[in-house]
Amino acid sequence: MSESLAKPRAKFHSMDEGTKADWDIIATEAMYAAVGLPDRVLDHLRLLGGDYGGFAVDRLEHSLQTATRAQRSGRDDEYVFCALLHDIGDTLGSFNHADIAAAVVKPFVSEQNHWMVEKHGIFQGYFFFHHLGLDRDSREQFRGNEYFDYTAEFCAEYDQPAFDPAYDTMPLEHFEPLLRQMMAAPRSSIYVKDPAAELTPT
């Protein structure tokens, strides 16, 4: 019998039948799942390796290079975390990768950095949309937003130049401690009463 099947499980077949005992079981399992989140995120980043999509570097190298450039310029850990994960949605969100990345980082970052990740796709389009018959100025719909310049800077300084095969990029292992620290506990979540509390299952 697998370890998962051997664990206690809720008795209800419909949520409106659930008891406190059922939800205590589920909450405990949710805590274990939350603790394992950094490992799953790291695994998903590794899936980007070998996927070039026509670029000069693969998607993992691009993500690492973006994060390396941000870190070397003195950006804080949260910013570097966002730089590392900004394209993690590429494999699942072919048409909205930035939305997926934004959803992953949202519980752990500021509103400003979440907005930057969420909107970076359309801001990055300034550098290439016109080659595809699209409007490179699509980002102008957000002109006046307090985070406009912040996001434009991310794309110009760190995202768009991060396709250089000769760049001295730091490996994923270098960023692993930072990622684990950033994902240790959420700043906000509808499932967590005290977001500042460490995610430590008992």
N, C-alpha and C. Protein backbone atom coordinates (compact mmCIF):
# COMPACT_ATOMS: atom_id res chain seq x y z
N MET A 1 0.85 -1.20 0.00
CA MET A 1 0.00 0.00 0.00
C MET A 1 0.88 1.25 0.00
N SER A 2 0.56 2.21 -0.88
CA SER A 2 1.36 3.42 -0.95
C SER A 2 1.19 4.25 0.31
N GLU A 3 2.19 5.09 0.59
CA GLU A 3 2.12 5.95 1.77
C GLU A 3 0.90 6.85 1.73
N SER A 4 0.55 7.34 0.53
CA SER A 4 -0.59 8.23 0.41
C SER A 4 -1.89 7.53 0.79
N LEU A 5 -2.07 6.28 0.36
CA LEU A 5 -3.29 5.55 0.65
C LEU A 5 -3.38 5.16 2.12
N ALA A 6 -2.21 5.05 2.77
CA ALA A 6 -2.20 4.65 4.17
C ALA A 6 -2.56 5.79 5.11
N LYS A 7 -2.49 7.02 4.64
CA LYS A 7 -2.79 8.18 5.48
C LYS A 7 -4.29 8.31 5.70
N PRO A 8 -4.69 8.90 6.82
CA PRO A 8 -6.12 9.12 7.05
C PRO A 8 -6.68 10.08 6.01
N ARG A 9 -7.94 9.85 5.66
CA ARG A 9 -8.60 10.71 4.68
C ARG A 9 -9.98 11.12 5.19
N ALA A 10 -10.46 12.23 4.67
CA ALA A 10 -11.78 12.72 5.05
C ALA A 10 -12.85 11.71 4.66
N LYS A 11 -13.94 11.67 5.43
CA LYS A 11 -15.02 10.72 5.20
C LYS A 11 -16.08 11.25 4.23
N PHE A 12 -16.16 12.57 4.05
CA PHE A 12 -17.26 13.11 3.25
C PHE A 12 -17.07 12.89 1.76
N HIS A 13 -18.20 12.84 1.06
CA HIS A 13 -18.22 12.75 -0.40
C HIS A 13 -18.73 14.05 -1.01
N SER A 14 -19.21 14.95 -0.17
CA SER A 14 -19.69 16.27 -0.58
C SER A 14 -19.26 17.24 0.52
N MET A 15 -18.72 18.39 0.12
CA MET A 15 -18.16 19.30 1.12
C MET A 15 -19.14 19.70 2.21
N ASP A 16 -20.42 19.79 1.86
CA ASP A 16 -21.38 20.23 2.87
C ASP A 16 -21.62 19.17 3.95
N GLU A 17 -21.00 18.00 3.80
CA GLU A 17 -21.07 16.95 4.81
C GLU A 17 -19.84 16.92 5.70
N GLY A 18 -18.86 17.78 5.41
CA GLY A 18 -17.59 17.75 6.11
C GLY A 18 -17.69 18.10 7.58
N THR A 19 -16.82 17.48 8.38
CA THR A 19 -16.76 17.75 9.81
C THR A 19 -15.43 18.43 10.13
N LYS A 20 -15.31 18.91 11.36
CA LYS A 20 -14.05 19.51 11.81
C LYS A 20 -12.93 18.48 11.71
N ALA A 21 -13.22 17.22 12.07
CA ALA A 21 -12.20 16.18 11.99
C ALA A 21 -11.74 15.97 10.55
N ASP A 22 -12.67 15.99 9.61
CA ASP A 22 -12.31 15.86 8.19
C ASP A 22 -11.37 16.97 7.77
N TRP A 23 -11.73 18.20 8.13
CA TRP A 23 -10.95 19.35 7.68
C TRP A 23 -9.62 19.47 8.41
N ASP A 24 -9.51 18.92 9.59
CA ASP A 24 -8.20 18.85 10.25
C ASP A 24 -7.26 17.95 9.47
N ILE A 25 -7.78 16.84 8.96
CA ILE A 25 -6.97 15.94 8.12
C ILE A 25 -6.51 16.67 6.87
N ILE A 26 -7.44 17.33 6.21
CA ILE A 26 -7.13 18.02 4.95
C ILE A 26 -6.16 19.17 5.18
N ALA A 27 -6.34 19.91 6.27
CA ALA A 27 -5.46 21.03 6.57
C ALA A 27 -4.03 20.55 6.82
N THR A 28 -3.89 19.42 7.49
CA THR A 28 -2.55 18.87 7.73
C THR A 28 -1.88 18.49 6.42
N GLU A 29 -2.61 17.85 5.53
CA GLU A 29 -2.05 17.47 4.23
C GLU A 29 -1.72 18.71 3.41
N ALA A 30 -2.54 19.75 3.53
CA ALA A 30 -2.26 20.99 2.80
C ALA A 30 -0.96 21.63 3.27
N MET A 31 -0.67 21.52 4.57
CA MET A 31 0.58 22.06 5.09
C MET A 31 1.78 21.32 4.52
N TYR A 32 1.68 20.00 4.43
CA TYR A 32 2.76 19.23 3.83
C TYR A 32 2.96 19.62 2.37
N ALA A 33 1.86 19.82 1.66
CA ALA A 33 1.94 20.24 0.27
C ALA A 33 2.60 21.60 0.15
N ALA A 34 2.27 22.51 1.07
CA ALA A 34 2.85 23.86 1.04
C ALA A 34 4.35 23.82 1.30
N VAL A 35 4.76 22.98 2.24
CA VAL A 35 6.19 22.86 2.54
C VAL A 35 6.96 22.34 1.32
N GLY A 36 6.32 21.51 0.51
CA GLY A 36 6.98 20.96 -0.67
C GLY A 36 6.92 21.86 -1.89
N LEU A 37 6.27 23.01 -1.77
CA LEU A 37 6.11 23.90 -2.92
C LEU A 37 7.44 24.32 -3.55
N PRO A 38 8.44 24.74 -2.77
CA PRO A 38 9.71 25.13 -3.41
C PRO A 38 10.32 24.02 -4.26
N ASP A 39 10.21 22.77 -3.81
CA ASP A 39 10.75 21.66 -4.60
C ASP A 39 10.01 21.52 -5.92
N ARG A 40 8.69 21.67 -5.88
CA ARG A 40 7.92 21.55 -7.12
C ARG A 40 8.22 22.71 -8.07
N VAL A 41 8.42 23.90 -7.51
CA VAL A 41 8.76 25.05 -8.35
C VAL A 41 10.14 24.85 -8.99
N LEU A 42 11.09 24.36 -8.22
CA LEU A 42 12.41 24.07 -8.77
C LEU A 42 12.32 23.02 -9.88
N ASP A 43 11.53 21.98 -9.66
CA ASP A 43 11.35 20.96 -10.70
C ASP A 43 10.76 21.56 -11.96
N HIS A 44 9.80 22.48 -11.78
CA HIS A 44 9.17 23.07 -12.96
C HIS A 44 10.14 24.01 -13.69
N LEU A 45 10.98 24.70 -12.94
CA LEU A 45 12.01 25.51 -13.60
C LEU A 45 12.92 24.62 -14.45
N ARG A 46 13.26 23.46 -13.92
CA ARG A 46 14.15 22.55 -14.66
C ARG A 46 13.51 22.08 -15.97
N LEU A 47 12.17 22.03 -16.01
CA LEU A 47 11.48 21.65 -17.23
C LEU A 47 11.75 22.63 -18.38
N LEU A 48 12.15 23.86 -18.02
CA LEU A 48 12.46 24.87 -19.04
C LEU A 48 13.78 24.59 -19.73
N GLY A 49 14.63 23.75 -19.12
CA GLY A 49 15.92 23.42 -19.71
C GLY A 49 15.74 22.62 -20.99
N GLY A 50 16.50 22.97 -22.02
CA GLY A 50 16.42 22.27 -23.30
C GLY A 50 15.31 22.76 -24.21
N ASP A 51 14.47 23.66 -23.71
CA ASP A 51 13.39 24.23 -24.51
C ASP A 51 13.84 25.59 -25.03
N TYR A 52 14.28 25.61 -26.27
CA TYR A 52 14.83 26.84 -26.85
C TYR A 52 13.76 27.74 -27.46
N GLY A 53 12.71 27.15 -27.98
CA GLY A 53 11.66 27.95 -28.60
C GLY A 53 12.17 28.86 -29.70
N GLY A 54 13.29 28.49 -30.31
CA GLY A 54 13.86 29.30 -31.38
C GLY A 54 14.85 30.35 -30.91
N PHE A 55 14.99 30.54 -29.60
CA PHE A 55 15.91 31.53 -29.05
C PHE A 55 17.35 31.00 -29.01
N ALA A 56 18.30 31.87 -28.78
CA ALA A 56 19.71 31.50 -28.73
C ALA A 56 20.05 30.72 -27.46
N VAL A 57 19.24 30.86 -26.42
CA VAL A 57 19.43 30.12 -25.17
C VAL A 57 18.11 29.45 -24.82
N ASP A 58 18.16 28.40 -23.99
CA ASP A 58 16.90 27.77 -23.60
C ASP A 58 16.20 28.61 -22.53
N ARG A 59 14.98 28.23 -22.23
CA ARG A 59 14.15 29.05 -21.36
C ARG A 59 14.67 29.07 -19.91
N LEU A 60 15.30 27.99 -19.49
CA LEU A 60 15.91 27.98 -18.15
C LEU A 60 17.08 28.95 -18.10
N GLU A 61 17.94 28.91 -19.09
CA GLU A 61 19.07 29.84 -19.13
C GLU A 61 18.58 31.28 -19.14
N HIS A 62 17.53 31.55 -19.90
CA HIS A 62 16.99 32.91 -19.93
C HIS A 62 16.52 33.34 -18.55
N SER A 63 15.81 32.45 -17.86
CA SER A 63 15.31 32.78 -16.52
C SER A 63 16.46 33.01 -15.55
N LEU A 64 17.44 32.14 -15.59
CA LEU A 64 18.61 32.27 -14.72
C LEU A 64 19.40 33.53 -15.05
N GLN A 65 19.53 33.81 -16.33
CA GLN A 65 20.30 34.99 -16.74
C GLN A 65 19.59 36.27 -16.32
N THR A 66 18.26 36.29 -16.42
CA THR A 66 17.50 37.45 -15.97
C THR A 66 17.72 37.68 -14.48
N ALA A 67 17.64 36.59 -13.70
CA ALA A 67 17.84 36.69 -12.25
C ALA A 67 19.27 37.08 -11.91
N THR A 68 20.23 36.54 -12.64
CA THR A 68 21.64 36.87 -12.40
C THR A 68 21.90 38.35 -12.65
N ARG A 69 21.38 38.86 -13.75
CA ARG A 69 21.57 40.28 -14.07
C ARG A 69 20.93 41.17 -13.00
N ALA A 70 19.76 40.78 -12.53
CA ALA A 70 19.09 41.57 -11.49
C ALA A 70 19.88 41.53 -10.19
N GLN A 71 20.36 40.37 -9.82
CA GLN A 71 21.12 40.25 -8.57
C GLN A 71 22.43 41.03 -8.64
N ARG A 72 23.11 40.93 -9.75
CA ARG A 72 24.40 41.63 -9.88
C ARG A 72 24.25 43.13 -9.93
N SER A 73 23.05 43.60 -10.25
CA SER A 73 22.83 45.05 -10.25
C SER A 73 22.39 45.56 -8.88
N GLY A 74 22.29 44.64 -7.91
CA GLY A 74 21.96 45.05 -6.55
C GLY A 74 20.49 45.00 -6.18
N ARG A 75 19.67 44.36 -7.01
CA ARG A 75 18.25 44.26 -6.68
C ARG A 75 18.07 43.35 -5.46
N ASP A 76 16.98 43.60 -4.71
CA ASP A 76 16.76 42.83 -3.50
C ASP A 76 16.27 41.42 -3.82
N ASP A 77 16.20 40.58 -2.78
CA ASP A 77 15.87 39.17 -2.96
C ASP A 77 14.50 38.96 -3.60
N GLU A 78 13.53 39.76 -3.20
CA GLU A 78 12.20 39.59 -3.77
C GLU A 78 12.19 39.87 -5.26
N TYR A 79 12.89 40.88 -5.67
CA TYR A 79 12.98 41.23 -7.09
C TYR A 79 13.67 40.12 -7.87
N VAL A 80 14.77 39.59 -7.31
CA VAL A 80 15.51 38.51 -7.96
C VAL A 80 14.63 37.26 -8.07
N PHE A 81 13.87 36.98 -7.02
CA PHE A 81 12.92 35.87 -7.02
C PHE A 81 11.93 36.02 -8.18
N CYS A 82 11.41 37.20 -8.37
CA CYS A 82 10.49 37.46 -9.48
C CYS A 82 11.19 37.31 -10.82
N ALA A 83 12.41 37.80 -10.91
CA ALA A 83 13.17 37.66 -12.15
C ALA A 83 13.39 36.19 -12.49
N LEU A 84 13.66 35.39 -11.48
CA LEU A 84 13.90 33.96 -11.69
C LEU A 84 12.64 33.26 -12.20
N LEU A 85 11.48 33.62 -11.67
CA LEU A 85 10.24 32.91 -11.97
C LEU A 85 9.37 33.57 -13.04
N HIS A 86 9.82 34.67 -13.61
CA HIS A 86 8.92 35.45 -14.47
C HIS A 86 8.42 34.67 -15.68
N ASP A 87 9.17 33.67 -16.15
CA ASP A 87 8.75 32.89 -17.31
C ASP A 87 8.43 31.45 -16.97
N ILE A 88 8.20 31.14 -15.71
CA ILE A 88 7.93 29.75 -15.32
C ILE A 88 6.64 29.23 -15.96
N GLY A 89 5.79 30.11 -16.41
CA GLY A 89 4.54 29.70 -17.05
C GLY A 89 4.68 29.32 -18.50
N ASP A 90 5.86 29.42 -19.07
CA ASP A 90 6.03 29.18 -20.51
C ASP A 90 5.52 27.82 -20.96
N THR A 91 5.75 26.77 -20.17
CA THR A 91 5.40 25.43 -20.61
C THR A 91 3.90 25.14 -20.50
N LEU A 92 3.19 25.86 -19.65
CA LEU A 92 1.77 25.61 -19.45
C LEU A 92 0.88 26.71 -20.03
N GLY A 93 1.42 27.91 -20.14
CA GLY A 93 0.63 29.05 -20.62
C GLY A 93 1.18 29.61 -21.90
N SER A 94 1.07 28.87 -22.98
CA SER A 94 1.63 29.33 -24.25
C SER A 94 1.04 30.67 -24.69
N PHE A 95 -0.16 30.98 -24.24
CA PHE A 95 -0.83 32.21 -24.66
C PHE A 95 -0.97 33.22 -23.52
N ASN A 96 -0.53 32.84 -22.30
CA ASN A 96 -0.65 33.76 -21.16
C ASN A 96 0.36 33.41 -20.06
N HIS A 97 1.60 33.20 -20.46
CA HIS A 97 2.61 32.70 -19.51
C HIS A 97 2.80 33.64 -18.32
N ALA A 98 2.67 34.94 -18.55
CA ALA A 98 2.89 35.90 -17.46
C ALA A 98 1.83 35.77 -16.37
N ASP A 99 0.59 35.42 -16.76
CA ASP A 99 -0.47 35.23 -15.77
C ASP A 99 -0.14 34.07 -14.83
N ILE A 100 0.42 33.01 -15.38
CA ILE A 100 0.76 31.84 -14.57
C ILE A 100 1.88 32.19 -13.59
N ALA A 101 2.92 32.84 -14.09
CA ALA A 101 4.03 33.25 -13.23
C ALA A 101 3.54 34.17 -12.12
N ALA A 102 2.67 35.10 -12.48
CA ALA A 102 2.13 36.05 -11.49
C ALA A 102 1.35 35.33 -10.41
N ALA A 103 0.60 34.30 -10.79
CA ALA A 103 -0.16 33.53 -9.80
C ALA A 103 0.76 32.78 -8.85
N VAL A 104 1.89 32.28 -9.35
CA VAL A 104 2.84 31.54 -8.51
C VAL A 104 3.48 32.47 -7.48
N VAL A 105 3.88 33.66 -7.90
CA VAL A 105 4.61 34.55 -6.98
C VAL A 105 3.70 35.39 -6.09
N LYS A 106 2.43 35.53 -6.46
CA LYS A 106 1.55 36.48 -5.78
C LYS A 106 1.51 36.36 -4.26
N PRO A 107 1.43 35.15 -3.67
CA PRO A 107 1.34 35.08 -2.20
C PRO A 107 2.61 35.53 -1.48
N PHE A 108 3.72 35.67 -2.21
CA PHE A 108 5.01 35.88 -1.57
C PHE A 108 5.65 37.24 -1.82
N VAL A 109 5.01 38.08 -2.65
CA VAL A 109 5.66 39.32 -3.04
C VAL A 109 4.73 40.51 -2.88
N SER A 110 5.31 41.69 -3.03
CA SER A 110 4.55 42.93 -2.93
C SER A 110 3.62 43.10 -4.13
N GLU A 111 2.66 43.99 -3.99
CA GLU A 111 1.76 44.32 -5.10
C GLU A 111 2.55 44.82 -6.30
N GLN A 112 3.58 45.61 -6.05
CA GLN A 112 4.40 46.17 -7.12
C GLN A 112 5.09 45.07 -7.92
N ASN A 113 5.71 44.12 -7.23
CA ASN A 113 6.42 43.05 -7.93
C ASN A 113 5.46 42.07 -8.58
N HIS A 114 4.31 41.85 -7.97
CA HIS A 114 3.31 41.00 -8.61
C HIS A 114 2.84 41.64 -9.92
N TRP A 115 2.57 42.94 -9.89
CA TRP A 115 2.12 43.64 -11.10
C TRP A 115 3.19 43.56 -12.18
N MET A 116 4.43 43.71 -11.80
CA MET A 116 5.54 43.64 -12.76
C MET A 116 5.57 42.28 -13.46
N VAL A 117 5.44 41.20 -12.70
CA VAL A 117 5.46 39.86 -13.29
C VAL A 117 4.22 39.66 -14.16
N GLU A 118 3.08 40.08 -13.67
CA GLU A 118 1.83 39.88 -14.40
C GLU A 118 1.82 40.61 -15.74
N LYS A 119 2.41 41.79 -15.79
CA LYS A 119 2.35 42.62 -16.99
C LYS A 119 3.62 42.54 -17.84
N HIS A 120 4.64 41.80 -17.41
CA HIS A 120 5.91 41.86 -18.13
C HIS A 120 5.79 41.37 -19.58
N GLY A 121 4.85 40.46 -19.86
CA GLY A 121 4.71 39.96 -21.22
C GLY A 121 4.37 41.05 -22.22
N ILE A 122 3.39 41.86 -21.87
CA ILE A 122 2.98 42.93 -22.77
C ILE A 122 4.02 44.06 -22.81
N PHE A 123 4.73 44.27 -21.71
CA PHE A 123 5.80 45.28 -21.70
C PHE A 123 6.99 44.79 -22.52
N GLN A 124 7.28 43.51 -22.44
CA GLN A 124 8.38 42.94 -23.23
C GLN A 124 8.08 43.04 -24.72
N GLY A 125 6.79 43.06 -25.05
CA GLY A 125 6.39 43.16 -26.45
C GLY A 125 6.90 44.42 -27.14
N TYR A 126 7.26 45.42 -26.36
CA TYR A 126 7.82 46.65 -26.95
C TYR A 126 9.04 46.34 -27.81
N PHE A 127 9.76 45.28 -27.47
CA PHE A 127 11.01 44.96 -28.16
C PHE A 127 10.84 44.05 -29.37
N PHE A 128 9.62 43.48 -29.57
CA PHE A 128 9.49 42.57 -30.70
C PHE A 128 8.11 42.48 -31.34
N PHE A 129 7.07 43.01 -30.73
CA PHE A 129 5.73 42.85 -31.29
C PHE A 129 5.64 43.34 -32.73
N HIS A 130 6.34 44.41 -33.05
CA HIS A 130 6.25 44.98 -34.39
C HIS A 130 6.79 44.03 -35.46
N HIS A 131 7.67 43.10 -35.08
CA HIS A 131 8.19 42.11 -36.03
C HIS A 131 7.15 41.03 -36.33
N LEU A 132 6.12 40.95 -35.50
CA LEU A 132 5.08 39.93 -35.66
C LEU A 132 3.76 40.52 -36.12
N GLY A 133 3.80 41.79 -36.52
CA GLY A 133 2.58 42.45 -36.96
C GLY A 133 1.68 42.89 -35.82
N LEU A 134 2.23 42.95 -34.61
CA LEU A 134 1.49 43.39 -33.44
C LEU A 134 1.92 44.79 -33.04
N ASP A 135 1.21 45.38 -32.13
CA ASP A 135 1.47 46.75 -31.70
C ASP A 135 2.49 46.76 -30.56
N ARG A 136 3.68 47.23 -30.84
CA ARG A 136 4.72 47.25 -29.81
C ARG A 136 4.39 48.21 -28.68
N ASP A 137 3.48 49.13 -28.93
CA ASP A 137 3.09 50.09 -27.90
C ASP A 137 1.85 49.66 -27.12
N SER A 138 1.56 48.37 -27.14
CA SER A 138 0.41 47.87 -26.38
C SER A 138 0.51 48.20 -24.90
N ARG A 139 1.72 48.30 -24.41
CA ARG A 139 1.91 48.61 -23.00
C ARG A 139 1.39 49.99 -22.63
N GLU A 140 1.18 50.85 -23.63
CA GLU A 140 0.73 52.22 -23.35
C GLU A 140 -0.65 52.26 -22.70
N GLN A 141 -1.41 51.16 -22.81
CA GLN A 141 -2.70 51.13 -22.12
C GLN A 141 -2.54 51.25 -20.61
N PHE A 142 -1.32 50.98 -20.12
CA PHE A 142 -1.05 51.05 -18.70
C PHE A 142 -0.29 52.32 -18.30
N ARG A 143 -0.06 53.19 -19.26
CA ARG A 143 0.63 54.45 -18.97
C ARG A 143 -0.16 55.21 -17.91
N GLY A 144 0.54 55.67 -16.90
CA GLY A 144 -0.11 56.34 -15.80
C GLY A 144 -0.22 55.46 -14.57
N ASN A 145 -0.09 54.15 -14.76
CA ASN A 145 -0.07 53.26 -13.60
C ASN A 145 1.20 53.51 -12.81
N GLU A 146 1.10 53.43 -11.50
CA GLU A 146 2.26 53.73 -10.65
C GLU A 146 3.42 52.76 -10.86
N TYR A 147 3.15 51.59 -11.43
CA TYR A 147 4.21 50.60 -11.63
C TYR A 147 4.68 50.52 -13.08
N PHE A 148 4.23 51.45 -13.92
CA PHE A 148 4.59 51.41 -15.35
C PHE A 148 6.10 51.47 -15.55
N ASP A 149 6.75 52.49 -15.02
CA ASP A 149 8.18 52.66 -15.23
C ASP A 149 8.98 51.52 -14.60
N TYR A 150 8.53 51.04 -13.47
CA TYR A 150 9.18 49.94 -12.77
C TYR A 150 9.21 48.68 -13.64
N THR A 151 8.08 48.40 -14.28
CA THR A 151 7.97 47.21 -15.13
C THR A 151 8.72 47.40 -16.44
N ALA A 152 8.65 48.59 -17.00
CA ALA A 152 9.41 48.88 -18.23
C ALA A 152 10.90 48.72 -17.98
N GLU A 153 11.36 49.14 -16.82
CA GLU A 153 12.77 49.01 -16.47
C GLU A 153 13.17 47.54 -16.35
N PHE A 154 12.32 46.73 -15.71
CA PHE A 154 12.62 45.30 -15.59
C PHE A 154 12.84 44.68 -16.97
N CYS A 155 11.94 44.98 -17.89
CA CYS A 155 12.06 44.40 -19.22
C CYS A 155 13.30 44.91 -19.96
N ALA A 156 13.56 46.20 -19.87
CA ALA A 156 14.67 46.79 -20.59
C ALA A 156 16.03 46.38 -20.04
N GLU A 157 16.14 46.35 -18.71
CA GLU A 157 17.44 46.12 -18.08
C GLU A 157 17.78 44.65 -17.83
N TYR A 158 16.76 43.82 -17.63
CA TYR A 158 17.04 42.45 -17.20
C TYR A 158 16.43 41.38 -18.10
N ASP A 159 15.20 41.58 -18.58
CA ASP A 159 14.52 40.54 -19.34
C ASP A 159 14.98 40.50 -20.80
N GLN A 160 14.86 41.61 -21.50
CA GLN A 160 15.13 41.58 -22.94
C GLN A 160 16.60 41.33 -23.31
N PRO A 161 17.61 41.67 -22.45
CA PRO A 161 18.99 41.36 -22.85
C PRO A 161 19.45 39.96 -22.41
N ALA A 162 18.57 39.17 -21.80
CA ALA A 162 18.99 37.92 -21.17
C ALA A 162 18.90 36.71 -22.10
N PHE A 163 19.45 36.88 -23.30
CA PHE A 163 19.46 35.79 -24.27
C PHE A 163 20.87 35.59 -24.82
N ASP A 164 21.86 35.87 -24.01
CA ASP A 164 23.26 35.87 -24.44
C ASP A 164 23.93 34.55 -24.04
N PRO A 165 24.26 33.67 -25.00
CA PRO A 165 24.88 32.40 -24.66
C PRO A 165 26.25 32.56 -24.00
N ALA A 166 26.90 33.71 -24.19
CA ALA A 166 28.23 33.92 -23.64
C ALA A 166 28.21 34.55 -22.24
N TYR A 167 27.03 34.89 -21.75
CA TYR A 167 26.95 35.54 -20.45
C TYR A 167 27.28 34.56 -19.33
N ASP A 168 27.95 35.05 -18.29
CA ASP A 168 28.35 34.23 -17.14
C ASP A 168 27.17 34.11 -16.17
N THR A 169 26.25 33.23 -16.50
CA THR A 169 25.01 33.07 -15.73
C THR A 169 25.22 32.17 -14.53
N MET A 170 24.63 32.54 -13.40
CA MET A 170 24.69 31.70 -12.21
C MET A 170 23.76 30.50 -12.37
N PRO A 171 24.13 29.33 -11.83
CA PRO A 171 23.29 28.13 -11.98
C PRO A 171 22.07 28.18 -11.07
N LEU A 172 21.14 27.30 -11.32
CA LEU A 172 19.92 27.25 -10.51
C LEU A 172 20.24 27.01 -9.04
N GLU A 173 21.25 26.21 -8.76
CA GLU A 173 21.62 25.91 -7.37
C GLU A 173 21.97 27.18 -6.59
N HIS A 174 22.50 28.16 -7.28
CA HIS A 174 22.85 29.43 -6.62
C HIS A 174 21.61 30.12 -6.07
N PHE A 175 20.50 30.01 -6.79
CA PHE A 175 19.28 30.72 -6.41
C PHE A 175 18.36 29.89 -5.51
N GLU A 176 18.68 28.62 -5.33
CA GLU A 176 17.79 27.75 -4.55
C GLU A 176 17.56 28.24 -3.12
N PRO A 177 18.59 28.64 -2.37
CA PRO A 177 18.33 29.13 -1.01
C PRO A 177 17.43 30.36 -0.99
N LEU A 178 17.62 31.26 -1.92
CA LEU A 178 16.79 32.46 -2.01
C LEU A 178 15.34 32.07 -2.28
N LEU A 179 15.14 31.14 -3.23
CA LEU A 179 13.78 30.71 -3.56
C LEU A 179 13.11 30.07 -2.36
N ARG A 180 13.84 29.22 -1.65
CA ARG A 180 13.26 28.56 -0.48
C ARG A 180 12.90 29.57 0.61
N GLN A 181 13.74 30.55 0.79
CA GLN A 181 13.47 31.58 1.79
C GLN A 181 12.23 32.40 1.41
N MET A 182 12.14 32.77 0.14
CA MET A 182 11.01 33.58 -0.31
C MET A 182 9.69 32.84 -0.20
N MET A 183 9.72 31.50 -0.36
CA MET A 183 8.49 30.72 -0.36
C MET A 183 8.24 30.04 0.98
N ALA A 184 8.97 30.45 2.02
CA ALA A 184 8.82 29.81 3.33
C ALA A 184 7.45 30.07 3.95
N ALA A 185 6.90 31.25 3.69
CA ALA A 185 5.58 31.59 4.23
C ALA A 185 4.97 32.68 3.36
N PRO A 186 3.68 32.59 3.09
CA PRO A 186 3.03 33.60 2.25
C PRO A 186 2.79 34.90 3.00
N ARG A 187 2.82 36.00 2.25
CA ARG A 187 2.40 37.29 2.80
C ARG A 187 0.89 37.36 2.91
N SER A 188 0.24 36.71 1.96
CA SER A 188 -1.22 36.72 1.94
C SER A 188 -1.74 35.46 1.28
N SER A 189 -2.86 34.96 1.79
CA SER A 189 -3.53 33.79 1.21
C SER A 189 -4.89 33.66 1.86
N ILE A 190 -5.89 33.30 1.08
CA ILE A 190 -7.22 33.10 1.65
C ILE A 190 -7.26 31.86 2.54
N TYR A 191 -6.22 31.03 2.45
CA TYR A 191 -6.19 29.79 3.22
C TYR A 191 -5.36 29.88 4.49
N VAL A 192 -4.74 31.02 4.73
CA VAL A 192 -3.86 31.16 5.89
C VAL A 192 -4.34 32.31 6.76
N LYS A 193 -4.69 32.02 8.03
CA LYS A 193 -5.16 33.04 8.95
C LYS A 193 -4.05 34.00 9.31
N ASP A 194 -2.84 33.47 9.56
CA ASP A 194 -1.69 34.28 9.93
C ASP A 194 -0.60 34.08 8.89
N PRO A 195 -0.60 34.91 7.82
CA PRO A 195 0.37 34.73 6.75
C PRO A 195 1.82 34.79 7.20
N ALA A 196 2.10 35.43 8.34
CA ALA A 196 3.49 35.56 8.80
C ALA A 196 4.00 34.27 9.44
N ALA A 197 3.08 33.36 9.76
CA ALA A 197 3.48 32.12 10.42
C ALA A 197 4.24 31.22 9.46
N GLU A 198 5.25 30.53 9.98
CA GLU A 198 6.01 29.60 9.15
C GLU A 198 5.11 28.41 8.79
N LEU A 199 5.31 27.86 7.59
CA LEU A 199 4.56 26.69 7.16
C LEU A 199 5.27 25.45 7.70
N THR A 200 4.92 25.04 8.90
CA THR A 200 5.56 23.90 9.54
C THR A 200 4.49 22.91 9.98
N PRO A 201 4.31 21.79 9.22
CA PRO A 201 3.31 20.83 9.62
C PRO A 201 3.68 20.14 10.91
N THR A 202 2.71 19.79 11.73
CA THR A 202 2.96 19.11 12.99
C THR A 202 2.59 17.63 12.88
